[in-house]
Structure formats: structure tokens, C-alpha cells
Amino acid sequence: MDLHVVEKAFGLSSLVLLVALIAVRLSRRFGLPSLLLYLLIGILLGNRGLGIDFGGTLGSTALTEQLGLAALVFILAEGGLTTRWDDVRPSLGLGIALATVSVAVSIAVTGAAVYFLLGGALGLDLRTSLLWAAVLSSTDAAAVFSVLRAVGVRPRLAAALELESGLNDAPVVIAVLLLAGTTTISWLDPVLVVYELAAGAVIGGALGWLGAWWLRRGALPATGLYPLATLALVGGAYAVGQFAHASGFLATYVAAVVLGNSRMPHRAATLSFAEGWGWIAQIGLFVLLGLYVDPAQLPAALLPGVLIGLLVLLVARPLSVAAAALPFRMPWREQVFVSWSGLRGAVPIVLALIPLMLRQDEQSLLLLNVIVVVVVIYTLLQGTTLPLVARLLGVVQAGQALEIQVEAAPLEDMHAQVLQIRIPPDSRMHGVYLSQLRLPAGAVIALLVRDEAPVDVTPTVRLQSGDQLLVVTPERLRTATERRLRAVSRGGALAGWFGERGEAGR
């Protein structure tokens, strides 16, 4: 084994990661989607840039596809772990409808339009046209999570969009596999789709519940082992789902949601660790896709990419959102925002590799290049204008991007929990007297730290932004205590009087 290869790999990986982290800051400063900057890094490193020849062979296609699917597992895991059930529960029906009904309508509308408008010119039959539509029908969890959470839209909308992006990968992957194959689609296939989705949800829920129960009682010897155990459980859910011929992606997301909303020890550390892995997965995935894509082939895909992107953006997406939102009486402004928020990212590019693997024909290669064009142009268009569109449509709710950070550590012998709280800037907890917190009986404030110095804990002390609290609460009162703290952070001392209970977004 050539040790110089290992040295070069570590050096190049470290350099790419550092450049990508700098790109994050640049994207925040100039309002550009950072995911596209990662894609550009990969292209610059590729055979048309620095000369790393990665694409063009069956082996590299298979490797890119498998690594891409693995990265999506970590991205979904991070999204599920950071999804708060209290916030998404009111939007559960809408989120499921967007992930199922909207996907079906989008595939049908886009597939028909591609077949009648471009089928003759590109030599696409109806099944292949529907395949192209299926590849484009999934919104991207990485793109949605990275852009949407910084906008601060109404919790109901944000929750529905996060649920959609986390749930719709599963039905879309199944649809792509069915349409990319060569066997005849029979009446049994829809039944199998229902089984795969239902079984994936059950497997994910069961493993998530069992994993949370074990983490609470396992008493691992080191804090750093809890994040590792959590990711292992989520990855195991994907594997079990796939082995059971169910949806591994749905099992992953459901298991992550269950774990993220359980009373896990060292929850904040676990979420921080998962967020880091999510960033690594996003960066690595887009750099990898940039390495694989040949930019010299993209100009030929520019015109069909723009046309198909317009079909999805202006026709298929609005119609599919309207169909999904019909039972929920969603106002038209919210429907327009949800339509504009259907961000595409790495998922369609990874899915486009599936027919290329199975068919290995020119149409599949063209599909991959078209999808890259669509993702680049429309992510750039939608990602940069999403905050403006949200403000114009009046769907922004001040303060929604801000939350108190709560870390929990177990006191096992005492059957208690220690909650560590940091008050963020602009929190309505600023200026509240300790006596006005009105924590559940049995929960006590053990320590208050301000500017790195302890402050006497008395009822007349007023909290300030940046303060850190240690709250000791019995295990049975942890949920109620945390809910009350979040309610005060959102609504101030009179939160209960104005209906804010800390349970769900309003």
C-alpha cells in the first residue's frame, strides 16, 4: 500500500473541508445557497479543473450512487433529530399530504408535459418521461433545512415543509426504482409501495422508541458515546428497513424524529454532533457530485433543463401543492410560499444516477445533466429569493428562528434531570423575573451565570439575554419544565395568559 496516497487523501480532504467552511460564511454574507458552492468546488477539482478524473465509468457511477445514498441517510438523520414533535404535530396531515399526494400529482403533471412537449425531440416514451418527472419530484432535505430554518416563517408552514422534505424521499425513491426498471408495472406494485412505506414507518418508530428507552437506562460511561449510539441507532433503522424490503429512508427519518423528541441524556450534545455529521454529509455529497459531473456536457442540457424547470416551478409544483392542501383550507398566500419553497438539491442528482446505473443509455446520461442544470439554476433562483418572497407574502413570524437551547444530563440515582439553558438574543425571557418563570412544583433553579460569573438566585433577579441557567427537575417533570421555559422564551412572563404553552408553533 502506498502511504503517500493516504497522505494526499487526508490533505485534499482537509483542504476541501476548510474551503467548504469558508464557503458557508460567504454564502451567509452574500445570500447564496452554500450547497451550490460545494458543487462548484467539486467541479473545479474534477477532470475539467484540477484533473481529478472521477466520472464516466460504471464503477464511479455505482460508487457515487452508494455514497450519495449514505450521505442522504445522515442528512435525514440530522433533520429528524432536530425536528420537534410539538411543532410539527399540528402540520402532520399537511406534511404527509405534501410528501405523498403532491409527489403523485407532480409526477403525473410533469411527466405528461415532458412527454408531449419534449418527448418527440428527445426520443422519450411515456414511461421515461414519468421517470424524469419522478426524479425531479423530491424536495431536498439538505436544501430545505439549511435555507428554511434561517427565514423564520410561521411554524405551521416551516413544520409542513420540513416534514415534506424528510418524508417524500421514500415514495420518490420507490417510484424511480419502479419506472427505471424494465419489467412491466402491474396492479401489485401500488400495494407493494404502500407496504414499503407503512413497514418503514413502523420499523423506524419501533427502533426509535427502543433506542430511546435503552439510552435512558444504559448509563454509558462517557458523554461522547451518546451521540455515537444515537447515530448508530438511526443508521441501523435504515439497514433494518432495507433488509425487510421496506423504505429504509422513511425508517431513518421516523427513528430520528422519535429519538430527537425523547428524553435522551445529553440531548444538546447529540444534536450538535448530528448537525456536524449533517454538514459533512452535505459538503461531501455535493463535492462528490461536482467531481462526477462533466461540465462540458452541461451546455447541451441547458435548454431542456430550463424548460423542465419552468414546468416544475410554475405548473407542476403549484398544482401539486394545491391538491395536497385542498382538505386543509390553506390560504393562497401560504400555498404560494409552499410552492416556491420546493427546493431541489442533491437528492434529484443522486436519484438520476439510478436509471444511469440500470439502463446505461444516452437518455439517462442526458437526464443526469438536465437535473444538474435544473438544480443549479432553480436552487440559485429560489434559495436567494425565499426570504424576500416570505416577507412579501406576509408569512414571516418574528422570533421564530430563535429558541432557547436546553441540554439535559441525567442524575440516575436521584431520578432527576439537570437542564442547562442559554437565553438567546431577542428572547422574550429577557427582563423576566425568576419568580415569573413559575416552573412546575419540584423544579428548582440551582445556578444562574451571567458574564461568566454566578448570580444570586432570588425571586427578584431579572433574566438577561446570554444568561445561563441550571434547572434541576424530577424526571417526571422534565417535559413540563422544558415546555414552560420555551413558552416564556416565546411569549414572555404572560405567556400562559396569551395562549403560548410552549407545546407547538402558533
Protein backbone atom coordinates (compact mmCIF):
# COMPACT_ATOMS: atom_id res chain seq x y z
CA MET A 1 0.00 0.00 0.00
CA ASP A 2 1.30 3.42 -0.98
CA LEU A 3 1.28 5.59 2.15
CA HIS A 4 1.59 8.69 0.01
CA VAL A 5 -1.94 8.02 -1.27
CA VAL A 6 -3.25 8.19 2.30
CA GLU A 7 -1.34 11.40 2.95
CA LYS A 8 -2.69 13.01 -0.21
CA ALA A 9 -6.23 11.88 0.58
CA PHE A 10 -6.10 13.38 4.08
CA GLY A 11 -4.54 16.59 2.80
CA LEU A 12 -7.04 17.03 -0.01
CA SER A 13 -10.00 16.16 2.23
CA SER A 14 -8.89 18.64 4.88
CA LEU A 15 -8.38 21.36 2.30
CA VAL A 16 -11.79 20.75 0.71
CA LEU A 17 -13.49 20.82 4.11
CA LEU A 18 -11.77 24.08 5.12
CA VAL A 19 -12.68 25.71 1.79
CA ALA A 20 -16.25 24.49 2.19
CA LEU A 21 -16.46 26.01 5.67
CA ILE A 22 -15.25 29.31 4.28
CA ALA A 23 -17.92 28.95 1.59
CA VAL A 24 -20.55 28.70 4.33
CA ARG A 25 -19.57 32.13 5.62
CA LEU A 26 -19.51 33.60 2.13
CA SER A 27 -22.93 32.16 1.36
CA ARG A 28 -24.38 33.67 4.54
CA ARG A 29 -22.84 37.06 3.77
CA PHE A 30 -23.99 37.25 0.12
CA GLY A 31 -27.19 35.24 0.42
CA LEU A 32 -26.05 32.41 -1.86
CA PRO A 33 -27.03 28.77 -1.28
CA SER A 34 -23.89 27.18 0.15
CA LEU A 35 -24.77 23.81 -1.39
CA LEU A 36 -24.09 25.18 -4.87
CA LEU A 37 -20.68 26.42 -3.76
CA TYR A 38 -19.83 22.86 -2.69
CA LEU A 39 -20.90 21.64 -6.12
CA LEU A 40 -18.63 24.24 -7.70
CA ILE A 41 -15.71 23.06 -5.55
CA GLY A 42 -16.20 19.54 -6.88
CA ILE A 43 -16.36 20.75 -10.48
CA LEU A 44 -13.16 22.75 -10.02
CA LEU A 45 -11.44 19.65 -8.65
CA GLY A 46 -12.74 17.44 -11.48
CA ASN A 47 -11.29 16.44 -14.81
CA ARG A 48 -12.06 19.85 -16.34
CA GLY A 49 -10.40 21.63 -13.42
CA LEU A 50 -7.50 20.31 -11.38
CA GLY A 51 -7.67 16.99 -13.21
CA ILE A 52 -9.19 14.52 -10.72
CA ASP A 53 -10.85 12.07 -13.12
CA PHE A 54 -13.73 10.52 -11.21
CA GLY A 55 -16.74 10.24 -13.53
CA GLY A 56 -17.52 8.45 -16.74
CA THR A 57 -17.22 4.79 -15.70
CA LEU A 58 -19.74 2.32 -14.39
CA GLY A 59 -17.70 1.84 -11.24
CA SER A 60 -17.58 5.55 -10.45
CA THR A 61 -21.33 5.82 -11.10
CA ALA A 62 -22.06 2.99 -8.67
CA LEU A 63 -19.71 4.46 -6.04
CA THR A 64 -21.24 7.92 -6.40
CA GLU A 65 -24.73 6.48 -6.08
CA GLN A 66 -23.92 4.44 -2.96
CA LEU A 67 -22.02 7.26 -1.26
CA GLY A 68 -24.83 9.62 -2.18
CA LEU A 69 -27.45 7.39 -0.60
CA ALA A 70 -25.30 7.05 2.54
CA ALA A 71 -24.97 10.84 2.76
CA LEU A 72 -28.74 11.20 2.45
CA VAL A 73 -29.16 8.90 5.45
CA PHE A 74 -27.04 11.25 7.61
CA ILE A 75 -28.84 14.32 6.26
CA LEU A 76 -32.23 12.79 7.05
CA ALA A 77 -30.96 11.74 10.47
CA GLU A 78 -29.90 15.28 11.32
CA GLY A 79 -33.20 16.66 10.05
CA GLY A 80 -35.24 14.15 12.03
CA LEU A 81 -33.26 14.57 15.26
CA THR A 82 -33.73 18.35 15.18
CA THR A 83 -37.45 18.19 14.28
CA ARG A 84 -39.54 18.98 17.35
CA TRP A 85 -42.70 16.92 17.55
CA ASP A 86 -44.63 19.66 19.38
CA ASP A 87 -44.03 21.96 16.42
CA VAL A 88 -44.75 19.52 13.60
CA ARG A 89 -47.71 17.70 15.13
CA PRO A 90 -50.28 20.34 14.03
CA SER A 91 -48.89 20.11 10.48
CA LEU A 92 -48.58 16.33 10.33
CA GLY A 93 -51.52 15.84 7.98
CA LEU A 94 -50.37 18.59 5.63
CA GLY A 95 -46.78 17.34 5.66
CA ILE A 96 -47.84 13.78 4.81
CA ALA A 97 -50.11 15.07 2.04
CA LEU A 98 -47.25 17.11 0.57
CA ALA A 99 -44.99 14.04 0.71
CA THR A 100 -47.49 11.72 -0.99
CA VAL A 101 -50.35 13.42 -2.86
CA SER A 102 -48.11 16.26 -4.01
CA VAL A 103 -45.48 13.79 -5.26
CA ALA A 104 -48.06 11.80 -7.26
CA VAL A 105 -49.57 14.93 -8.83
CA SER A 106 -46.14 16.36 -9.61
CA ILE A 107 -45.04 13.15 -11.35
CA ALA A 108 -48.25 12.98 -13.39
CA VAL A 109 -48.26 16.65 -14.46
CA THR A 110 -44.53 16.93 -15.16
CA GLY A 111 -44.39 13.54 -16.88
CA ALA A 112 -47.28 14.38 -19.20
CA ALA A 113 -45.78 17.79 -20.03
CA VAL A 114 -42.33 16.31 -20.73
CA TYR A 115 -43.85 13.61 -22.95
CA PHE A 116 -45.98 15.95 -25.07
CA LEU A 117 -43.56 18.89 -25.26
CA LEU A 118 -40.12 17.23 -25.35
CA GLY A 119 -40.79 13.54 -25.92
CA GLY A 120 -40.52 13.72 -29.70
CA ALA A 121 -37.38 15.87 -29.72
CA LEU A 122 -35.58 13.80 -27.08
CA GLY A 123 -36.98 10.39 -28.02
CA LEU A 124 -38.70 9.83 -24.68
CA ASP A 125 -41.57 7.39 -24.27
CA LEU A 126 -44.24 7.93 -21.62
CA ARG A 127 -42.55 5.74 -19.01
CA THR A 128 -39.22 7.53 -19.41
CA SER A 129 -40.98 10.90 -19.25
CA LEU A 130 -42.60 9.87 -15.96
CA LEU A 131 -39.18 8.72 -14.76
CA TRP A 132 -37.74 12.16 -15.44
CA ALA A 133 -40.66 13.68 -13.54
CA ALA A 134 -40.18 11.30 -10.60
CA VAL A 135 -36.51 12.22 -10.27
CA LEU A 136 -37.48 15.89 -10.00
CA SER A 137 -40.44 15.41 -7.66
CA SER A 138 -38.49 15.19 -4.39
CA THR A 139 -37.68 18.32 -2.45
CA ASP A 140 -34.26 18.20 -0.87
CA ALA A 141 -33.93 17.89 2.90
CA ALA A 142 -30.46 19.46 2.97
CA ALA A 143 -31.57 22.47 0.92
CA VAL A 144 -34.79 22.96 2.88
CA PHE A 145 -33.19 22.54 6.32
CA SER A 146 -30.28 24.87 5.51
CA VAL A 147 -32.37 27.66 3.94
CA LEU A 148 -35.77 27.47 5.61
CA ARG A 149 -34.64 27.50 9.24
CA ALA A 150 -32.96 30.86 8.76
CA VAL A 151 -36.06 32.52 7.27
CA GLY A 152 -38.30 32.43 10.36
CA VAL A 153 -41.64 31.65 8.68
CA ARG A 154 -44.74 30.66 10.59
CA PRO A 155 -44.16 27.43 12.50
CA ARG A 156 -47.03 25.63 10.74
CA LEU A 157 -45.52 26.26 7.32
CA ALA A 158 -41.96 25.54 8.40
CA ALA A 159 -43.07 22.28 10.03
CA ALA A 160 -45.04 21.17 6.96
CA LEU A 161 -42.11 21.87 4.63
CA GLU A 162 -39.63 20.08 6.89
CA LEU A 163 -41.94 17.09 7.14
CA GLU A 164 -42.37 17.06 3.37
CA SER A 165 -38.63 17.13 2.69
CA GLY A 166 -37.99 14.46 5.30
CA LEU A 167 -40.80 12.13 4.20
CA ASN A 168 -41.00 12.47 0.42
CA ASP A 169 -37.64 10.84 -0.33
CA ALA A 170 -39.13 7.44 0.49
CA PRO A 171 -42.02 7.39 -2.05
CA VAL A 172 -39.90 9.11 -4.68
CA VAL A 173 -37.09 6.53 -4.43
CA ILE A 174 -39.67 3.75 -4.82
CA ALA A 175 -41.22 5.49 -7.85
CA VAL A 176 -37.81 5.99 -9.50
CA LEU A 177 -36.86 2.34 -9.00
CA LEU A 178 -40.18 1.19 -10.49
CA LEU A 179 -40.01 3.49 -13.51
CA ALA A 180 -36.28 2.96 -14.15
CA GLY A 181 -36.69 -0.82 -14.38
CA THR A 182 -37.63 -2.76 -17.47
CA THR A 183 -40.33 -5.02 -16.01
CA THR A 184 -43.99 -4.29 -16.63
CA ILE A 185 -45.69 -2.33 -13.87
CA SER A 186 -48.65 -4.33 -12.55
CA TRP A 187 -51.54 -3.71 -10.13
CA LEU A 188 -49.45 -5.31 -7.38
CA ASP A 189 -46.83 -2.53 -7.43
CA PRO A 190 -49.03 0.10 -5.69
CA VAL A 191 -49.75 -2.45 -2.94
CA LEU A 192 -46.01 -3.01 -2.50
CA VAL A 193 -45.45 0.74 -2.32
CA VAL A 194 -47.99 1.03 0.50
CA TYR A 195 -46.33 -1.88 2.31
CA GLU A 196 -42.84 -0.40 1.98
CA LEU A 197 -43.95 2.96 3.35
CA ALA A 198 -46.03 1.51 6.19
CA ALA A 199 -43.38 -1.03 7.16
CA GLY A 200 -40.65 1.62 7.05
CA ALA A 201 -42.63 3.90 9.37
CA VAL A 202 -43.33 1.05 11.82
CA ILE A 203 -39.71 -0.13 11.83
CA GLY A 204 -38.41 3.40 12.36
CA GLY A 205 -40.89 4.11 15.14
CA ALA A 206 -40.17 0.84 16.94
CA LEU A 207 -36.37 1.15 16.75
CA GLY A 208 -36.54 4.80 17.76
CA TRP A 209 -38.65 4.00 20.84
CA LEU A 210 -36.48 1.04 21.85
CA GLY A 211 -33.32 3.07 21.29
CA ALA A 212 -34.60 5.96 23.43
CA TRP A 213 -35.55 3.54 26.21
CA TRP A 214 -32.07 1.98 26.12
CA LEU A 215 -30.26 5.34 26.07
CA ARG A 216 -32.15 6.50 29.16
CA ARG A 217 -31.25 3.35 31.08
CA GLY A 218 -27.96 2.33 29.52
CA ALA A 219 -25.74 4.62 31.62
CA LEU A 220 -22.95 4.82 29.04
CA PRO A 221 -19.58 5.62 30.65
CA ALA A 222 -18.82 8.76 28.60
CA THR A 223 -20.89 11.67 27.31
CA GLY A 224 -19.43 11.35 23.83
CA LEU A 225 -20.85 7.84 23.48
CA TYR A 226 -24.46 9.03 23.46
CA PRO A 227 -24.22 10.83 20.07
CA LEU A 228 -22.44 7.80 18.60
CA ALA A 229 -25.12 5.46 19.92
CA THR A 230 -27.86 7.70 18.52
CA LEU A 231 -26.40 7.78 15.01
CA ALA A 232 -25.82 4.02 15.17
CA LEU A 233 -29.50 3.51 16.01
CA VAL A 234 -30.62 5.73 13.14
CA GLY A 235 -28.27 4.02 10.69
CA GLY A 236 -29.47 0.67 11.96
CA ALA A 237 -33.06 1.70 11.23
CA TYR A 238 -32.11 2.28 7.59
CA ALA A 239 -30.41 -1.12 7.37
CA VAL A 240 -33.29 -2.99 9.02
CA GLY A 241 -35.77 -1.23 6.74
CA GLN A 242 -33.85 -2.22 3.63
CA PHE A 243 -33.40 -5.82 4.79
CA ALA A 244 -37.16 -6.03 5.42
CA HIS A 245 -37.81 -4.77 1.84
CA ALA A 246 -39.34 -1.65 3.37
CA SER A 247 -38.39 2.00 2.96
CA GLY A 248 -35.06 2.50 4.68
CA PHE A 249 -35.24 6.27 4.25
CA LEU A 250 -38.61 6.50 5.95
CA ALA A 251 -37.37 4.22 8.75
CA THR A 252 -34.36 6.52 9.18
CA TYR A 253 -36.38 9.71 9.40
CA VAL A 254 -39.08 8.30 11.72
CA ALA A 255 -36.47 6.76 14.05
CA ALA A 256 -34.60 10.09 14.16
CA VAL A 257 -37.79 12.03 14.97
CA VAL A 258 -38.67 9.60 17.78
CA LEU A 259 -35.15 9.74 19.23
CA GLY A 260 -34.90 13.51 18.89
CA ASN A 261 -38.14 14.02 20.81
CA SER A 262 -37.45 11.52 23.57
CA ARG A 263 -35.89 12.34 26.93
CA MET A 264 -32.40 11.47 25.78
CA PRO A 265 -29.46 12.15 28.08
CA HIS A 266 -27.09 14.82 26.73
CA ARG A 267 -29.60 15.73 24.03
CA ALA A 268 -27.98 19.03 23.03
CA ALA A 269 -24.57 17.36 22.61
CA THR A 270 -26.19 14.65 20.49
CA LEU A 271 -27.95 17.19 18.28
CA SER A 272 -24.74 19.19 17.89
CA PHE A 273 -22.86 16.04 16.88
CA ALA A 274 -25.60 15.08 14.40
CA GLU A 275 -25.54 18.60 12.96
CA GLY A 276 -21.80 18.28 12.35
CA TRP A 277 -22.29 14.96 10.58
CA GLY A 278 -25.10 16.52 8.57
CA TRP A 279 -22.78 19.28 7.38
CA ILE A 280 -20.08 16.77 6.47
CA ALA A 281 -22.65 14.73 4.53
CA GLN A 282 -23.90 17.79 2.65
CA ILE A 283 -20.41 19.04 1.83
CA GLY A 284 -19.11 15.62 0.82
CA LEU A 285 -22.18 14.81 -1.27
CA PHE A 286 -22.13 17.99 -3.34
CA VAL A 287 -18.36 17.91 -3.80
CA LEU A 288 -18.65 14.28 -4.91
CA LEU A 289 -21.41 15.12 -7.39
CA GLY A 290 -19.33 18.02 -8.70
CA LEU A 291 -16.43 15.62 -9.26
CA TYR A 292 -18.67 13.19 -11.11
CA VAL A 293 -20.39 15.68 -13.43
CA ASP A 294 -18.64 16.63 -16.67
CA PRO A 295 -19.27 20.39 -17.14
CA ALA A 296 -18.52 20.10 -20.86
CA GLN A 297 -21.76 18.14 -21.29
CA LEU A 298 -23.96 20.63 -19.45
CA PRO A 299 -24.49 23.20 -22.26
CA ALA A 300 -26.39 20.61 -24.33
CA ALA A 301 -28.74 20.11 -21.36
CA LEU A 302 -29.29 23.83 -20.75
CA LEU A 303 -32.42 24.34 -22.90
CA PRO A 304 -34.32 21.22 -21.81
CA GLY A 305 -33.23 21.88 -18.22
CA VAL A 306 -34.64 25.41 -18.24
CA LEU A 307 -37.90 24.26 -19.85
CA ILE A 308 -38.42 21.36 -17.47
CA GLY A 309 -37.50 23.55 -14.53
CA LEU A 310 -40.13 26.10 -15.57
CA LEU A 311 -42.71 23.31 -15.89
CA VAL A 312 -41.99 22.14 -12.36
CA LEU A 313 -41.70 25.60 -10.82
CA LEU A 314 -44.69 27.30 -12.44
CA VAL A 315 -47.09 24.45 -13.22
CA ALA A 316 -46.45 21.10 -11.53
CA ARG A 317 -45.39 22.37 -8.08
CA PRO A 318 -48.31 24.82 -7.63
CA LEU A 319 -50.85 22.25 -8.83
CA SER A 320 -49.42 19.53 -6.60
CA VAL A 321 -49.41 21.85 -3.56
CA ALA A 322 -53.00 22.91 -4.27
CA ALA A 323 -54.08 19.26 -4.50
CA ALA A 324 -52.31 18.34 -1.25
CA ALA A 325 -53.59 21.42 0.63
CA LEU A 326 -57.20 21.11 -0.54
CA PRO A 327 -58.51 19.36 2.62
CA PHE A 328 -56.66 21.79 4.91
CA ARG A 329 -58.11 25.10 3.61
CA MET A 330 -54.69 26.68 3.32
CA PRO A 331 -54.76 30.40 2.39
CA TRP A 332 -53.48 31.21 -1.07
CA ARG A 333 -50.51 33.18 0.26
CA GLU A 334 -49.29 30.15 2.17
CA GLN A 335 -49.84 27.93 -0.87
CA VAL A 336 -47.73 30.27 -2.99
CA PHE A 337 -44.94 30.24 -0.41
CA VAL A 338 -45.00 26.44 -0.10
CA SER A 339 -44.88 26.20 -3.90
CA TRP A 340 -41.87 28.49 -4.06
CA SER A 341 -40.18 26.59 -1.21
CA GLY A 342 -39.95 23.32 -3.12
CA LEU A 343 -36.16 23.47 -3.20
CA ARG A 344 -34.25 20.88 -5.19
CA GLY A 345 -30.74 19.86 -4.27
CA ALA A 346 -28.61 16.75 -4.11
CA VAL A 347 -31.50 14.26 -3.91
CA PRO A 348 -32.61 14.61 -7.57
CA ILE A 349 -28.99 14.30 -8.75
CA VAL A 350 -28.47 11.14 -6.70
CA LEU A 351 -31.77 9.73 -7.95
CA ALA A 352 -30.74 10.47 -11.54
CA LEU A 353 -27.82 8.08 -11.06
CA ILE A 354 -30.25 5.16 -10.53
CA PRO A 355 -31.54 4.97 -14.14
CA LEU A 356 -27.99 5.60 -15.37
CA MET A 357 -26.90 2.55 -13.40
CA LEU A 358 -29.81 0.38 -14.56
CA ARG A 359 -30.12 1.48 -18.17
CA GLN A 360 -26.66 2.82 -19.11
CA ASP A 361 -28.03 4.69 -22.14
CA GLU A 362 -27.72 8.19 -23.59
CA GLN A 363 -31.15 9.26 -22.35
CA SER A 364 -30.16 8.50 -18.76
CA LEU A 365 -26.92 10.47 -19.15
CA LEU A 366 -28.91 13.39 -20.59
CA LEU A 367 -31.29 13.13 -17.62
CA LEU A 368 -28.39 13.47 -15.19
CA ASN A 369 -27.09 16.59 -16.94
CA VAL A 370 -30.58 18.09 -17.17
CA ILE A 371 -31.13 17.53 -13.46
CA VAL A 372 -27.82 19.25 -12.63
CA VAL A 373 -28.88 22.27 -14.72
CA VAL A 374 -32.29 22.39 -13.05
CA VAL A 375 -30.80 22.13 -9.55
CA VAL A 376 -28.19 24.84 -10.15
CA ILE A 377 -30.49 27.37 -11.81
CA TYR A 378 -33.56 26.96 -9.67
CA THR A 379 -31.83 26.49 -6.35
CA LEU A 380 -29.98 29.71 -7.09
CA LEU A 381 -33.27 31.40 -8.04
CA GLN A 382 -35.41 30.06 -5.20
CA GLY A 383 -32.77 29.91 -2.48
CA THR A 384 -31.76 33.56 -2.86
CA THR A 385 -35.32 34.91 -3.13
CA LEU A 386 -37.03 32.78 -0.47
CA PRO A 387 -36.63 35.32 2.39
CA LEU A 388 -37.95 38.11 0.14
CA VAL A 389 -40.90 36.00 -1.03
CA ALA A 390 -41.72 35.11 2.59
CA ARG A 391 -41.80 38.79 3.56
CA LEU A 392 -43.85 39.82 0.52
CA LEU A 393 -46.42 37.12 1.23
CA GLY A 394 -46.55 38.01 4.92
CA VAL A 395 -45.70 34.54 6.21
CA VAL A 396 -42.75 35.57 8.40
CA GLN A 397 -43.27 35.45 12.16
CA ALA A 398 -40.74 37.42 14.17
CA GLY A 399 -38.62 35.44 16.56
CA GLN A 400 -39.30 32.02 15.09
CA ALA A 401 -35.67 31.37 14.25
CA LEU A 402 -34.72 31.90 17.90
CA GLU A 403 -35.09 29.26 20.61
CA ILE A 404 -33.58 28.66 23.98
CA GLN A 405 -31.03 25.85 23.99
CA VAL A 406 -31.77 23.14 26.54
CA GLU A 407 -29.21 20.46 27.42
CA ALA A 408 -30.15 17.61 29.75
CA ALA A 409 -27.95 15.37 31.86
CA PRO A 410 -29.32 12.54 33.99
CA LEU A 411 -28.97 12.15 37.76
CA GLU A 412 -29.81 8.45 37.70
CA ASP A 413 -29.76 7.60 41.38
CA MET A 414 -31.97 10.61 42.17
CA HIS A 415 -34.35 10.06 39.23
CA ALA A 416 -33.80 13.67 38.23
CA GLN A 417 -32.54 15.72 35.29
CA VAL A 418 -30.28 18.76 35.13
CA LEU A 419 -31.36 21.17 32.40
CA GLN A 420 -28.81 23.67 31.10
CA ILE A 421 -30.46 26.66 29.42
CA ARG A 422 -28.88 29.50 27.47
CA ILE A 423 -31.10 32.52 26.76
CA PRO A 424 -30.63 33.61 23.11
CA PRO A 425 -30.63 37.20 21.83
CA ASP A 426 -34.10 38.79 21.41
CA SER A 427 -35.71 36.08 23.56
CA ARG A 428 -38.77 37.32 25.44
CA MET A 429 -37.31 35.72 28.54
CA HIS A 430 -35.07 38.81 28.71
CA GLY A 431 -36.31 41.00 31.57
CA VAL A 432 -38.43 38.30 33.19
CA TYR A 433 -38.09 37.94 36.99
CA LEU A 434 -37.17 34.48 38.25
CA SER A 435 -40.42 34.43 40.23
CA GLN A 436 -42.33 34.90 36.96
CA LEU A 437 -40.96 31.70 35.44
CA ARG A 438 -43.48 29.73 37.52
CA LEU A 439 -41.77 26.40 36.98
CA PRO A 440 -43.62 23.22 37.99
CA ALA A 441 -43.50 22.48 41.72
CA GLY A 442 -40.39 20.40 42.35
CA ALA A 443 -38.23 22.05 39.68
CA VAL A 444 -35.66 24.49 41.08
CA ILE A 445 -33.08 26.86 39.64
CA ALA A 446 -29.75 25.66 41.01
CA LEU A 447 -27.41 28.15 39.31
CA LEU A 448 -27.55 31.38 37.28
CA VAL A 449 -24.42 32.50 35.41
CA ARG A 450 -24.09 35.93 33.76
CA ASP A 451 -20.92 37.13 32.05
CA GLU A 452 -19.11 34.04 33.33
CA ALA A 453 -19.93 34.92 36.96
CA PRO A 454 -22.57 33.37 39.25
CA VAL A 455 -25.58 35.47 40.27
CA ASP A 456 -27.56 35.00 43.48
CA VAL A 457 -30.74 33.06 42.73
CA THR A 458 -33.51 35.18 44.28
CA PRO A 459 -37.08 35.83 43.09
CA THR A 460 -36.28 39.49 42.31
CA VAL A 461 -33.44 38.76 39.87
CA ARG A 462 -34.29 39.64 36.25
CA LEU A 463 -33.00 37.43 33.46
CA GLN A 464 -30.96 38.82 30.56
CA SER A 465 -30.03 37.61 27.09
CA GLY A 466 -26.94 35.46 27.30
CA ASP A 467 -27.69 34.19 30.80
CA GLN A 468 -27.18 30.50 31.53
CA LEU A 469 -29.35 28.56 33.95
CA LEU A 470 -29.08 25.18 35.59
CA VAL A 471 -32.51 23.81 36.48
CA VAL A 472 -32.87 20.58 38.45
CA THR A 473 -36.16 18.79 37.87
CA PRO A 474 -37.55 15.36 38.73
CA GLU A 475 -37.60 13.00 35.75
CA ARG A 476 -41.40 13.01 35.62
CA LEU A 477 -41.49 16.83 35.37
CA ARG A 478 -38.79 17.31 32.75
CA THR A 479 -41.18 17.70 29.81
CA ALA A 480 -43.43 20.16 31.67
CA THR A 481 -40.43 22.17 32.86
CA GLU A 482 -38.89 22.42 29.43
CA ARG A 483 -42.27 23.32 27.91
CA ARG A 484 -42.71 26.14 30.41
CA LEU A 485 -39.23 27.51 29.72
CA ARG A 486 -39.87 27.51 25.98
CA ALA A 487 -43.25 29.21 26.49
CA VAL A 488 -41.67 32.06 28.46
CA SER A 489 -38.89 32.39 25.88
CA ARG A 490 -41.51 32.83 23.16
CA GLY A 491 -44.23 34.76 24.98
CA GLY A 492 -42.60 36.42 27.98
CA ALA A 493 -43.84 36.39 31.56
CA LEU A 494 -47.51 36.43 30.47
CA ALA A 495 -47.09 33.59 28.00
CA GLY A 496 -49.81 31.46 29.59
CA TRP A 497 -52.29 34.32 29.55
CA PHE A 498 -51.82 34.81 25.81
CA GLY A 499 -52.14 31.14 24.91
CA GLU A 500 -48.44 30.27 24.48
CA ARG A 501 -47.85 26.95 26.18
CA GLY A 502 -44.54 26.01 24.60
CA GLU A 503 -46.18 22.98 23.02
CA ALA A 504 -46.42 23.89 19.34
CA GLY A 505 -45.79 26.76 16.98
CA ARG A 506 -48.66 29.16 16.54
